[in-house]
Protein backbone atom coordinates (compact mmCIF):
# COMPACT_ATOMS: atom_id res chain seq x y z
CA MET A 1 -24.80 -6.31 8.34
CA GLN A 2 -21.15 -7.30 8.43
CA TYR A 3 -19.01 -7.65 5.32
CA LEU A 4 -15.74 -9.43 4.63
CA VAL A 5 -13.67 -7.09 2.50
CA SER A 6 -10.78 -8.93 0.85
CA VAL A 7 -7.74 -7.14 -0.51
CA ILE A 8 -6.53 -8.90 -3.65
CA ASP A 9 -2.98 -8.38 -4.88
CA ASP A 10 -1.36 -9.64 -8.07
CA LYS A 11 2.14 -11.15 -8.16
CA SER A 12 2.61 -10.13 -11.81
CA ASN A 13 1.36 -6.55 -11.27
CA PRO A 14 1.45 -5.75 -7.53
CA GLY A 15 -0.05 -2.65 -6.00
CA SER A 16 2.29 0.08 -4.83
CA THR A 17 4.08 -0.57 -1.55
CA ASP A 18 3.99 3.00 -0.20
CA ARG A 19 0.28 2.96 0.72
CA ARG A 20 0.55 2.45 4.49
CA PRO A 21 0.00 6.11 5.48
CA ALA A 22 -3.07 6.37 3.23
CA ILE A 23 -4.43 3.03 4.49
CA SER A 24 -3.90 4.13 8.11
CA ALA A 25 -5.81 7.37 7.46
CA PHE A 26 -8.63 5.41 5.77
CA ASN A 27 -8.75 3.00 8.73
CA GLU A 28 -8.99 5.93 11.17
CA ARG A 29 -11.95 7.24 9.20
CA LEU A 30 -13.63 3.80 9.24
CA ILE A 31 -13.21 3.71 13.02
CA ALA A 32 -14.51 7.27 13.49
CA GLU A 33 -17.57 6.60 11.32
CA GLY A 34 -18.40 3.29 13.02
CA TYR A 35 -17.71 0.91 10.11
CA TRP A 36 -14.55 -0.72 11.50
CA VAL A 37 -14.76 -4.18 13.06
CA PHE A 38 -11.37 -5.70 12.25
CA ALA A 39 -8.54 -5.54 9.72
CA GLY A 40 -5.24 -7.20 9.07
CA GLY A 41 -2.63 -7.72 6.41
CA LEU A 42 -1.47 -11.23 5.61
CA ALA A 43 2.02 -12.68 5.20
CA ASP A 44 3.13 -13.84 1.76
CA THR A 45 1.49 -16.96 0.33
CA ASP A 46 4.78 -18.84 0.74
CA THR A 47 4.10 -18.90 4.49
CA ALA A 48 0.71 -20.61 4.14
CA THR A 49 -0.07 -24.16 5.27
CA VAL A 50 -3.15 -26.04 4.10
CA ILE A 51 -4.61 -28.67 6.44
CA ASP A 52 -6.95 -31.39 5.15
CA ASN A 53 -8.35 -33.60 7.90
CA ARG A 54 -11.21 -35.14 5.92
CA GLY A 55 -9.54 -38.56 5.79
CA GLU A 56 -8.08 -40.84 8.43
CA GLN A 57 -5.17 -38.52 9.18
CA ALA A 58 -4.59 -34.80 8.82
CA VAL A 59 -2.49 -33.86 5.80
CA PHE A 60 -0.41 -30.68 6.07
CA THR A 61 0.74 -29.08 2.81
CA ASP A 62 3.10 -26.10 2.57
CA GLY A 63 2.01 -23.26 0.35
CA PRO A 64 -1.29 -21.71 -0.65
CA PHE A 65 -4.54 -23.61 -1.27
CA VAL A 66 -4.42 -22.68 -4.96
CA GLU A 67 -1.58 -21.50 -7.15
CA SER A 68 -2.56 -18.19 -8.69
CA LYS A 69 -1.00 -14.89 -9.65
CA GLU A 70 -3.73 -13.19 -7.57
CA TYR A 71 -3.80 -13.77 -3.83
CA LEU A 72 -5.44 -12.58 -0.63
CA ALA A 73 -3.18 -9.86 0.79
CA GLY A 74 -5.36 -8.70 3.67
CA ILE A 75 -8.87 -8.28 4.98
CA TRP A 76 -11.22 -5.87 6.62
CA VAL A 77 -14.45 -6.71 8.40
CA TRP A 78 -16.89 -3.81 8.21
CA GLU A 79 -20.27 -3.14 9.78
CA ALA A 80 -22.41 -1.26 7.25
CA PRO A 81 -26.14 -0.60 7.02
CA ASP A 82 -26.38 -2.14 3.53
CA LEU A 83 -24.43 -3.41 0.53
CA ASP A 84 -24.49 -0.02 -1.21
CA VAL A 85 -22.58 1.58 1.66
CA ALA A 86 -20.11 -1.33 1.76
CA LEU A 87 -19.50 -1.06 -2.00
CA LYS A 88 -18.97 2.70 -1.79
CA LEU A 89 -16.40 2.18 0.98
CA ALA A 90 -14.79 -0.64 -1.02
CA ALA A 91 -14.35 1.63 -4.04
CA GLU A 92 -12.51 4.08 -1.78
CA ALA A 93 -10.47 1.24 -0.26
CA SER A 94 -9.39 0.02 -3.68
CA LYS A 95 -8.08 3.48 -4.53
CA VAL A 96 -6.42 3.92 -1.12
CA CYS A 97 -4.58 0.60 -1.09
CA ASP A 98 -4.02 0.37 -4.88
CA ARG A 99 -5.42 -3.14 -5.09
CA LYS A 100 -8.57 -4.98 -6.10
CA ILE A 101 -11.22 -5.42 -3.41
CA GLU A 102 -13.84 -8.16 -3.02
CA VAL A 103 -16.88 -7.59 -0.79
CA ARG A 104 -18.92 -10.48 0.62
CA PRO A 105 -21.64 -10.34 3.27
CA PHE A 106 -21.50 -12.70 6.23
CA LEU A 107 -24.48 -15.03 6.50
């Protein structure tokens, strides 16, 4: 089963910025243990563009889809045998990157 693991940051109380070495070491472990599929950090929400092409013409809007103090800062995609394993890894990830984590299985 594959899981989308979202890293949630908070503009009013952001996680520490010195976590890259710890995150890199965690990622190396995910790779070595076969859980790693993909990961990436995201640019600030100010760089987002929302596209809505449900009408007659596409509408492009600068900025995030929703205004919120919490935002998606990055993602992992993991391959794990079950949700319990994914949640255990997510608890470690939250500690390592000093941010909230959301875990959702792919359909």
